[in-house]
Amino acid sequence: MTLAVAVNDAGLRIGEDHPNAKLTDAEVERIRSLHEEGMGYEAIAEKYEVSKWCIGRICRYERRGQTTARWKTIEE
């Protein structure tokens, strides 16, 4: 099966296409929206079952802040 995955400038998988990703891109966007609406890191972390540290880094665009440079096809 051939898949198209998002990669950064270095050719590494990013976002939900990364092998270690626990959240989808849609969940990341929702997390950022919830925080902008005033929900705290701890409440969001409990909702998505990840750490407060992870939520904080997502909301500050320290994680999952890369843009897709291109798409790469892979065989699975």
C-alpha atoms as a PDB file:
ATOM      1  CA  MET A   1       0.000   0.000   0.000  1.00  0.00           C
ATOM      2  CA  THR A   2       1.359   3.441  -0.926  1.00  0.00           C
ATOM      3  CA  LEU A   3       0.713   6.443   1.340  1.00  0.00           C
ATOM      4  CA  ALA A   4       1.449  10.149   0.951  1.00  0.00           C
ATOM      5  CA  VAL A   5       2.891  11.670   4.142  1.00  0.00           C
ATOM      6  CA  ALA A   6       3.733  15.262   5.057  1.00  0.00           C
ATOM      7  CA  VAL A   7       7.436  16.049   5.454  1.00  0.00           C
ATOM      8  CA  ASN A   8       9.417  19.129   6.489  1.00  0.00           C
ATOM      9  CA  ASP A   9      12.352  20.757   4.674  1.00  0.00           C
ATOM     10  CA  ALA A  10      14.694  18.032   5.957  1.00  0.00           C
ATOM     11  CA  GLY A  11      12.448  15.293   4.553  1.00  0.00           C
ATOM     12  CA  LEU A  12      11.280  14.105   7.985  1.00  0.00           C
ATOM     13  CA  ARG A  13       7.659  13.173   8.666  1.00  0.00           C
ATOM     14  CA  ILE A  14       5.681  15.786  10.565  1.00  0.00           C
ATOM     15  CA  GLY A  15       2.303  16.113  12.259  1.00  0.00           C
ATOM     16  CA  GLU A  16       0.043  13.102  12.485  1.00  0.00           C
ATOM     17  CA  ASP A  17       2.178  11.347   9.872  1.00  0.00           C
ATOM     18  CA  HIS A  18       5.101  11.150  12.319  1.00  0.00           C
ATOM     19  CA  PRO A  19       5.450   7.574  13.632  1.00  0.00           C
ATOM     20  CA  ASN A  20       5.338   8.713  17.283  1.00  0.00           C
ATOM     21  CA  ALA A  21       2.332  11.058  16.937  1.00  0.00           C
ATOM     22  CA  LYS A  22      -0.345  10.461  19.557  1.00  0.00           C
ATOM     23  CA  LEU A  23      -2.694  13.247  18.417  1.00  0.00           C
ATOM     24  CA  THR A  24      -4.200  13.946  15.028  1.00  0.00           C
ATOM     25  CA  ASP A  25      -3.765  17.307  13.328  1.00  0.00           C
ATOM     26  CA  ALA A  26      -7.456  18.025  13.995  1.00  0.00           C
ATOM     27  CA  GLU A  27      -6.983  17.343  17.724  1.00  0.00           C
ATOM     28  CA  VAL A  28      -3.989  19.696  17.819  1.00  0.00           C
ATOM     29  CA  GLU A  29      -6.042  22.474  16.217  1.00  0.00           C
ATOM     30  CA  ARG A  30      -8.877  21.850  18.698  1.00  0.00           C
ATOM     31  CA  ILE A  31      -6.412  21.961  21.621  1.00  0.00           C
ATOM     32  CA  ARG A  32      -5.162  25.361  20.449  1.00  0.00           C
ATOM     33  CA  SER A  33      -8.739  26.607  20.048  1.00  0.00           C
ATOM     34  CA  LEU A  34      -9.708  25.434  23.542  1.00  0.00           C
ATOM     35  CA  HIS A  35      -6.716  27.222  25.032  1.00  0.00           C
ATOM     36  CA  GLU A  36      -7.523  30.439  23.129  1.00  0.00           C
ATOM     37  CA  GLU A  37     -11.071  30.197  24.516  1.00  0.00           C
ATOM     38  CA  GLY A  38      -9.634  30.171  28.040  1.00  0.00           C
ATOM     39  CA  MET A  39      -9.365  26.506  28.990  1.00  0.00           C
ATOM     40  CA  GLY A  40      -6.261  25.705  31.036  1.00  0.00           C
ATOM     41  CA  TYR A  41      -3.480  23.287  30.181  1.00  0.00           C
ATOM     42  CA  GLU A  42      -4.441  20.850  32.926  1.00  0.00           C
ATOM     43  CA  ALA A  43      -8.077  20.541  31.827  1.00  0.00           C
ATOM     44  CA  ILE A  44      -7.066  20.072  28.182  1.00  0.00           C
ATOM     45  CA  ALA A  45      -4.424  17.513  29.170  1.00  0.00           C
ATOM     46  CA  GLU A  46      -7.006  15.457  31.053  1.00  0.00           C
ATOM     47  CA  LYS A  47      -9.430  15.631  28.119  1.00  0.00           C
ATOM     48  CA  TYR A  48      -6.850  14.344  25.607  1.00  0.00           C
ATOM     49  CA  GLU A  49      -4.972  12.074  28.046  1.00  0.00           C
ATOM     50  CA  VAL A  50      -1.564  13.695  27.525  1.00  0.00           C
ATOM     51  CA  SER A  51       0.674  15.689  29.872  1.00  0.00           C
ATOM     52  CA  LYS A  52       0.291  19.390  30.710  1.00  0.00           C
ATOM     53  CA  TRP A  53       3.815  19.822  29.363  1.00  0.00           C
ATOM     54  CA  CYS A  54       2.724  18.425  25.990  1.00  0.00           C
ATOM     55  CA  ILE A  55      -0.322  20.715  25.852  1.00  0.00           C
ATOM     56  CA  GLY A  56       1.772  23.750  26.765  1.00  0.00           C
ATOM     57  CA  ARG A  57       4.277  23.049  24.007  1.00  0.00           C
ATOM     58  CA  ILE A  58       1.480  22.564  21.466  1.00  0.00           C
ATOM     59  CA  CYS A  59      -0.230  25.831  22.484  1.00  0.00           C
ATOM     60  CA  ARG A  60       3.064  27.756  22.286  1.00  0.00           C
ATOM     61  CA  TYR A  61       3.776  26.213  18.838  1.00  0.00           C
ATOM     62  CA  GLU A  62       6.925  24.544  20.155  1.00  0.00           C
ATOM     63  CA  ARG A  63       5.478  21.197  19.020  1.00  0.00           C
ATOM     64  CA  ARG A  64       3.481  20.519  15.898  1.00  0.00           C
ATOM     65  CA  GLY A  65       4.278  23.980  14.568  1.00  0.00           C
ATOM     66  CA  GLN A  66       6.017  22.962  11.343  1.00  0.00           C
ATOM     67  CA  THR A  67       4.458  23.458   7.961  1.00  0.00           C
ATOM     68  CA  THR A  68       4.475  20.883   5.228  1.00  0.00           C
ATOM     69  CA  ALA A  69       7.312  21.431   2.757  1.00  0.00           C
ATOM     70  CA  ARG A  70       6.180  18.641   0.471  1.00  0.00           C
ATOM     71  CA  TRP A  71       4.482  15.259   0.362  1.00  0.00           C
ATOM     72  CA  LYS A  72       6.435  12.043   0.183  1.00  0.00           C
ATOM     73  CA  THR A  73       5.096   8.645  -0.879  1.00  0.00           C
ATOM     74  CA  ILE A  74       5.983   5.641   1.226  1.00  0.00           C
ATOM     75  CA  GLU A  75       5.254   1.918   1.054  1.00  0.00           C
ATOM     76  CA  GLU A  76       3.612   0.305   4.075  1.00  0.00           C
END
